[in-house]
Amino acid sequence: MDDTFEPRITLHPHERRVRVVIDGTVLADTTRAIELRETGYPPRQYLPRDDVRMDLLTPSETTTHCPFKGDAGYFSFGEHVDVAWSYENPLASIQEIEGRVVFYRGVSE
């Protein structure tokens, strides 16, 4: 048996520009994202709220629970339901993503 520990979640600086555009509207534009890599999932860029047009997003009633990150709340944009989510109170081991917004793959440039 291999006793090597592989972390399930790792965080990395993401210095490339991340733009999120839906229906021609820029919802986010940043060079200050944190990339979260989680075993079995594609990398996700967590964006600072200062760089997200939160005034254009509407909180939805959707919530999910991740045993490694905590409880997530979701946001919609117009007719596009649950296009983004955020962990307002993530687990202590992943505090760096607190309040940051992540969009589903395919909606960002």
N, C-alpha and C. Protein backbone atom coordinates (compact mmCIF):
# COMPACT_ATOMS: atom_id res chain seq x y z
N MET A 1 0.83 -1.18 0.00
CA MET A 1 0.00 0.00 0.00
C MET A 1 0.88 1.25 0.00
N ASP A 2 0.51 2.22 -0.81
CA ASP A 2 1.27 3.46 -0.94
C ASP A 2 0.80 4.45 0.13
N ASP A 3 1.71 4.90 0.98
CA ASP A 3 1.36 5.85 2.04
C ASP A 3 1.54 7.30 1.61
N THR A 4 1.84 7.56 0.33
CA THR A 4 2.02 8.92 -0.16
C THR A 4 0.68 9.64 -0.14
N PHE A 5 0.64 10.82 0.46
CA PHE A 5 -0.58 11.60 0.53
C PHE A 5 -0.64 12.56 -0.65
N GLU A 6 -1.72 12.48 -1.42
CA GLU A 6 -1.96 13.42 -2.50
C GLU A 6 -3.12 14.31 -2.09
N PRO A 7 -2.91 15.59 -1.98
CA PRO A 7 -4.02 16.45 -1.59
C PRO A 7 -5.13 16.42 -2.64
N ARG A 8 -6.36 16.41 -2.19
CA ARG A 8 -7.50 16.40 -3.10
C ARG A 8 -7.68 17.76 -3.76
N ILE A 9 -7.38 18.83 -3.02
CA ILE A 9 -7.55 20.19 -3.53
C ILE A 9 -6.25 20.96 -3.34
N THR A 10 -5.82 21.65 -4.39
CA THR A 10 -4.67 22.54 -4.29
C THR A 10 -5.04 23.88 -4.93
N LEU A 11 -4.44 24.94 -4.43
CA LEU A 11 -4.67 26.29 -4.94
C LEU A 11 -3.39 26.81 -5.58
N HIS A 12 -3.58 27.55 -6.68
CA HIS A 12 -2.44 28.06 -7.43
C HIS A 12 -2.74 29.47 -7.93
N PRO A 13 -1.74 30.35 -7.97
CA PRO A 13 -1.97 31.66 -8.58
C PRO A 13 -2.33 31.46 -10.06
N HIS A 14 -3.21 32.28 -10.56
CA HIS A 14 -3.61 32.22 -11.97
C HIS A 14 -3.44 33.62 -12.52
N GLU A 15 -2.30 33.88 -13.13
CA GLU A 15 -1.95 35.24 -13.53
C GLU A 15 -2.47 35.62 -14.91
N ARG A 16 -2.96 34.65 -15.67
CA ARG A 16 -3.52 34.99 -16.98
C ARG A 16 -4.86 35.70 -16.79
N ARG A 17 -5.21 36.51 -17.74
CA ARG A 17 -6.48 37.23 -17.68
C ARG A 17 -7.65 36.26 -17.82
N VAL A 18 -8.66 36.47 -17.01
CA VAL A 18 -9.90 35.70 -17.09
C VAL A 18 -11.03 36.68 -17.35
N ARG A 19 -11.75 36.48 -18.45
CA ARG A 19 -12.92 37.29 -18.77
C ARG A 19 -14.11 36.36 -18.87
N VAL A 20 -15.22 36.79 -18.30
CA VAL A 20 -16.46 36.03 -18.40
C VAL A 20 -17.45 36.91 -19.15
N VAL A 21 -17.93 36.39 -20.29
CA VAL A 21 -18.87 37.12 -21.13
C VAL A 21 -20.05 36.20 -21.42
N ILE A 22 -21.25 36.69 -21.15
CA ILE A 22 -22.47 35.95 -21.48
C ILE A 22 -23.36 36.89 -22.28
N ASP A 23 -23.80 36.43 -23.43
CA ASP A 23 -24.68 37.22 -24.30
C ASP A 23 -24.11 38.61 -24.56
N GLY A 24 -22.79 38.71 -24.74
CA GLY A 24 -22.15 39.97 -25.04
C GLY A 24 -21.90 40.88 -23.85
N THR A 25 -22.31 40.47 -22.67
CA THR A 25 -22.11 41.27 -21.46
C THR A 25 -20.91 40.74 -20.68
N VAL A 26 -19.97 41.62 -20.38
CA VAL A 26 -18.80 41.23 -19.58
C VAL A 26 -19.24 41.18 -18.12
N LEU A 27 -19.19 39.98 -17.54
CA LEU A 27 -19.56 39.79 -16.14
C LEU A 27 -18.36 39.80 -15.21
N ALA A 28 -17.19 39.52 -15.75
CA ALA A 28 -15.98 39.52 -14.93
C ALA A 28 -14.77 39.72 -15.82
N ASP A 29 -13.76 40.37 -15.26
CA ASP A 29 -12.51 40.60 -15.97
C ASP A 29 -11.42 40.77 -14.90
N THR A 30 -10.49 39.83 -14.86
CA THR A 30 -9.49 39.88 -13.79
C THR A 30 -8.18 39.24 -14.21
N THR A 31 -7.13 39.64 -13.53
CA THR A 31 -5.83 38.96 -13.60
C THR A 31 -5.44 38.50 -12.20
N ARG A 32 -6.43 38.45 -11.29
CA ARG A 32 -6.16 38.11 -9.89
C ARG A 32 -6.90 36.85 -9.44
N ALA A 33 -7.12 35.93 -10.35
CA ALA A 33 -7.84 34.70 -10.01
C ALA A 33 -6.94 33.74 -9.22
N ILE A 34 -7.58 32.87 -8.48
CA ILE A 34 -6.92 31.74 -7.84
C ILE A 34 -7.45 30.49 -8.53
N GLU A 35 -6.54 29.66 -9.01
CA GLU A 35 -6.98 28.42 -9.65
C GLU A 35 -7.05 27.30 -8.62
N LEU A 36 -8.21 26.68 -8.54
CA LEU A 36 -8.41 25.55 -7.64
C LEU A 36 -8.38 24.28 -8.47
N ARG A 37 -7.51 23.37 -8.09
CA ARG A 37 -7.43 22.07 -8.76
C ARG A 37 -7.91 21.01 -7.79
N GLU A 38 -8.91 20.26 -8.23
CA GLU A 38 -9.51 19.23 -7.39
C GLU A 38 -9.50 17.91 -8.15
N THR A 39 -9.03 16.88 -7.50
CA THR A 39 -8.94 15.56 -8.12
C THR A 39 -10.27 15.19 -8.76
N GLY A 40 -10.22 14.83 -10.05
CA GLY A 40 -11.41 14.37 -10.75
C GLY A 40 -12.24 15.47 -11.39
N TYR A 41 -11.82 16.74 -11.26
CA TYR A 41 -12.58 17.86 -11.81
C TYR A 41 -11.65 18.76 -12.60
N PRO A 42 -12.21 19.51 -13.57
CA PRO A 42 -11.36 20.47 -14.29
C PRO A 42 -10.94 21.61 -13.37
N PRO A 43 -9.81 22.24 -13.64
CA PRO A 43 -9.40 23.40 -12.84
C PRO A 43 -10.46 24.50 -12.92
N ARG A 44 -10.65 25.21 -11.83
CA ARG A 44 -11.61 26.31 -11.77
C ARG A 44 -10.90 27.57 -11.29
N GLN A 45 -11.26 28.71 -11.89
CA GLN A 45 -10.68 29.98 -11.49
C GLN A 45 -11.66 30.70 -10.57
N TYR A 46 -11.22 30.97 -9.36
CA TYR A 46 -12.02 31.69 -8.37
C TYR A 46 -11.64 33.16 -8.45
N LEU A 47 -12.63 34.01 -8.76
CA LEU A 47 -12.39 35.41 -9.06
C LEU A 47 -12.76 36.31 -7.88
N PRO A 48 -11.95 37.35 -7.63
CA PRO A 48 -12.30 38.29 -6.57
C PRO A 48 -13.57 39.05 -6.94
N ARG A 49 -14.44 39.25 -5.97
CA ARG A 49 -15.71 39.93 -6.24
C ARG A 49 -15.52 41.34 -6.79
N ASP A 50 -14.42 42.00 -6.44
CA ASP A 50 -14.16 43.34 -6.96
C ASP A 50 -14.06 43.35 -8.48
N ASP A 51 -13.76 42.20 -9.07
CA ASP A 51 -13.58 42.09 -10.52
C ASP A 51 -14.77 41.41 -11.20
N VAL A 52 -15.86 41.21 -10.46
CA VAL A 52 -17.07 40.57 -10.98
C VAL A 52 -18.22 41.58 -10.89
N ARG A 53 -19.02 41.66 -11.94
CA ARG A 53 -20.19 42.55 -11.94
C ARG A 53 -21.30 41.91 -11.11
N MET A 54 -21.15 41.95 -9.79
CA MET A 54 -22.12 41.35 -8.88
C MET A 54 -23.49 42.01 -9.02
N ASP A 55 -23.52 43.27 -9.47
CA ASP A 55 -24.79 43.97 -9.66
C ASP A 55 -25.63 43.35 -10.77
N LEU A 56 -25.00 42.54 -11.64
CA LEU A 56 -25.71 41.88 -12.73
C LEU A 56 -26.10 40.44 -12.41
N LEU A 57 -25.59 39.92 -11.30
CA LEU A 57 -25.89 38.54 -10.90
C LEU A 57 -26.97 38.54 -9.81
N THR A 58 -27.84 37.55 -9.90
CA THR A 58 -28.92 37.40 -8.93
C THR A 58 -28.70 36.13 -8.13
N PRO A 59 -28.69 36.21 -6.81
CA PRO A 59 -28.57 34.97 -6.02
C PRO A 59 -29.75 34.04 -6.33
N SER A 60 -29.47 32.77 -6.50
CA SER A 60 -30.54 31.80 -6.75
C SER A 60 -30.80 31.03 -5.47
N GLU A 61 -31.78 30.17 -5.50
CA GLU A 61 -32.09 29.35 -4.33
C GLU A 61 -31.26 28.08 -4.28
N THR A 62 -30.46 27.84 -5.30
CA THR A 62 -29.65 26.62 -5.37
C THR A 62 -28.50 26.68 -4.37
N THR A 63 -28.30 25.60 -3.66
CA THR A 63 -27.14 25.43 -2.80
C THR A 63 -26.64 24.00 -2.97
N THR A 64 -25.35 23.81 -2.78
CA THR A 64 -24.76 22.47 -2.81
C THR A 64 -23.77 22.37 -1.66
N HIS A 65 -23.42 21.14 -1.34
CA HIS A 65 -22.44 20.90 -0.28
C HIS A 65 -21.30 20.06 -0.84
N CYS A 66 -20.08 20.49 -0.58
CA CYS A 66 -18.88 19.73 -0.93
C CYS A 66 -18.19 19.38 0.38
N PRO A 67 -17.87 18.11 0.60
CA PRO A 67 -17.23 17.73 1.86
C PRO A 67 -15.81 18.30 2.01
N PHE A 68 -15.23 18.81 0.91
CA PHE A 68 -13.87 19.34 0.95
C PHE A 68 -13.81 20.86 0.95
N LYS A 69 -14.93 21.51 0.56
CA LYS A 69 -14.96 22.97 0.49
C LYS A 69 -16.04 23.59 1.37
N GLY A 70 -17.16 22.95 1.52
CA GLY A 70 -18.26 23.50 2.33
C GLY A 70 -19.51 23.70 1.49
N ASP A 71 -20.33 24.68 1.89
CA ASP A 71 -21.61 24.95 1.24
C ASP A 71 -21.46 26.09 0.24
N ALA A 72 -22.00 25.89 -0.97
CA ALA A 72 -21.93 26.89 -2.03
C ALA A 72 -23.31 27.45 -2.32
N GLY A 73 -23.35 28.75 -2.58
CA GLY A 73 -24.54 29.42 -3.06
C GLY A 73 -24.33 29.80 -4.52
N TYR A 74 -25.41 29.85 -5.29
CA TYR A 74 -25.31 30.05 -6.74
C TYR A 74 -25.90 31.38 -7.18
N PHE A 75 -25.51 31.80 -8.39
CA PHE A 75 -25.96 33.06 -8.98
C PHE A 75 -26.43 32.81 -10.42
N SER A 76 -27.43 33.59 -10.82
CA SER A 76 -27.94 33.52 -12.19
C SER A 76 -27.71 34.88 -12.86
N PHE A 77 -27.75 34.86 -14.18
CA PHE A 77 -27.65 36.08 -14.97
C PHE A 77 -28.78 36.03 -15.99
N GLY A 78 -29.79 36.85 -15.78
CA GLY A 78 -30.94 36.85 -16.68
C GLY A 78 -31.55 35.46 -16.76
N GLU A 79 -31.70 34.96 -17.97
CA GLU A 79 -32.29 33.63 -18.18
C GLU A 79 -31.28 32.50 -17.97
N HIS A 80 -30.04 32.85 -17.72
CA HIS A 80 -28.99 31.85 -17.50
C HIS A 80 -28.94 31.52 -16.01
N VAL A 81 -29.48 30.37 -15.66
CA VAL A 81 -29.65 29.98 -14.27
C VAL A 81 -28.37 29.32 -13.73
N ASP A 82 -27.97 29.71 -12.55
CA ASP A 82 -26.86 29.08 -11.83
C ASP A 82 -25.57 29.03 -12.65
N VAL A 83 -25.17 30.18 -13.19
CA VAL A 83 -23.95 30.23 -14.00
C VAL A 83 -22.68 30.37 -13.17
N ALA A 84 -22.86 30.72 -11.89
CA ALA A 84 -21.69 30.93 -11.02
C ALA A 84 -22.04 30.52 -9.60
N TRP A 85 -21.00 30.32 -8.79
CA TRP A 85 -21.21 29.98 -7.39
C TRP A 85 -20.10 30.55 -6.54
N SER A 86 -20.32 30.50 -5.22
CA SER A 86 -19.36 31.05 -4.28
C SER A 86 -19.50 30.32 -2.96
N TYR A 87 -18.38 30.22 -2.26
CA TYR A 87 -18.36 29.66 -0.90
C TYR A 87 -18.20 30.83 0.07
N GLU A 88 -19.26 31.17 0.77
CA GLU A 88 -19.21 32.30 1.70
C GLU A 88 -18.50 31.94 3.00
N ASN A 89 -18.60 30.69 3.40
CA ASN A 89 -17.94 30.20 4.62
C ASN A 89 -17.29 28.86 4.33
N PRO A 90 -16.22 28.85 3.53
CA PRO A 90 -15.59 27.57 3.20
C PRO A 90 -14.94 26.94 4.44
N LEU A 91 -14.60 25.69 4.31
CA LEU A 91 -13.90 25.00 5.38
C LEU A 91 -12.56 25.69 5.65
N ALA A 92 -12.07 25.57 6.86
CA ALA A 92 -10.85 26.27 7.27
C ALA A 92 -9.66 25.95 6.37
N SER A 93 -9.59 24.74 5.84
CA SER A 93 -8.45 24.34 5.02
C SER A 93 -8.44 25.02 3.64
N ILE A 94 -9.50 25.71 3.29
CA ILE A 94 -9.61 26.29 1.95
C ILE A 94 -10.13 27.74 2.02
N GLN A 95 -9.78 28.45 3.10
CA GLN A 95 -10.26 29.81 3.36
C GLN A 95 -9.96 30.80 2.24
N GLU A 96 -8.92 30.56 1.46
CA GLU A 96 -8.52 31.51 0.41
C GLU A 96 -9.61 31.75 -0.63
N ILE A 97 -10.56 30.82 -0.77
CA ILE A 97 -11.61 31.00 -1.78
C ILE A 97 -12.84 31.71 -1.22
N GLU A 98 -12.82 32.07 0.05
CA GLU A 98 -13.99 32.69 0.68
C GLU A 98 -14.48 33.90 -0.10
N GLY A 99 -15.76 33.88 -0.47
CA GLY A 99 -16.37 35.01 -1.14
C GLY A 99 -16.01 35.18 -2.60
N ARG A 100 -15.06 34.41 -3.10
CA ARG A 100 -14.70 34.51 -4.52
C ARG A 100 -15.77 33.84 -5.36
N VAL A 101 -15.86 34.24 -6.61
CA VAL A 101 -16.90 33.74 -7.51
C VAL A 101 -16.25 32.90 -8.60
N VAL A 102 -16.87 31.77 -8.88
CA VAL A 102 -16.39 30.89 -9.94
C VAL A 102 -17.53 30.64 -10.92
N PHE A 103 -17.22 30.70 -12.22
CA PHE A 103 -18.21 30.49 -13.27
C PHE A 103 -18.02 29.12 -13.88
N TYR A 104 -19.12 28.57 -14.38
CA TYR A 104 -19.02 27.29 -15.08
C TYR A 104 -18.16 27.41 -16.31
N ARG A 105 -17.43 26.38 -16.60
CA ARG A 105 -16.60 26.31 -17.79
C ARG A 105 -17.50 26.50 -19.01
N GLY A 106 -17.00 27.22 -20.00
CA GLY A 106 -17.77 27.43 -21.20
C GLY A 106 -18.41 28.81 -21.25
N VAL A 107 -18.47 29.51 -20.11
CA VAL A 107 -19.00 30.86 -20.14
C VAL A 107 -17.90 31.91 -20.06
N SER A 108 -16.65 31.47 -19.86
CA SER A 108 -15.56 32.45 -19.76
C SER A 108 -14.66 32.35 -20.99
N GLU A 109 -13.99 33.46 -21.26
CA GLU A 109 -13.05 33.49 -22.40
C GLU A 109 -11.66 33.11 -21.94
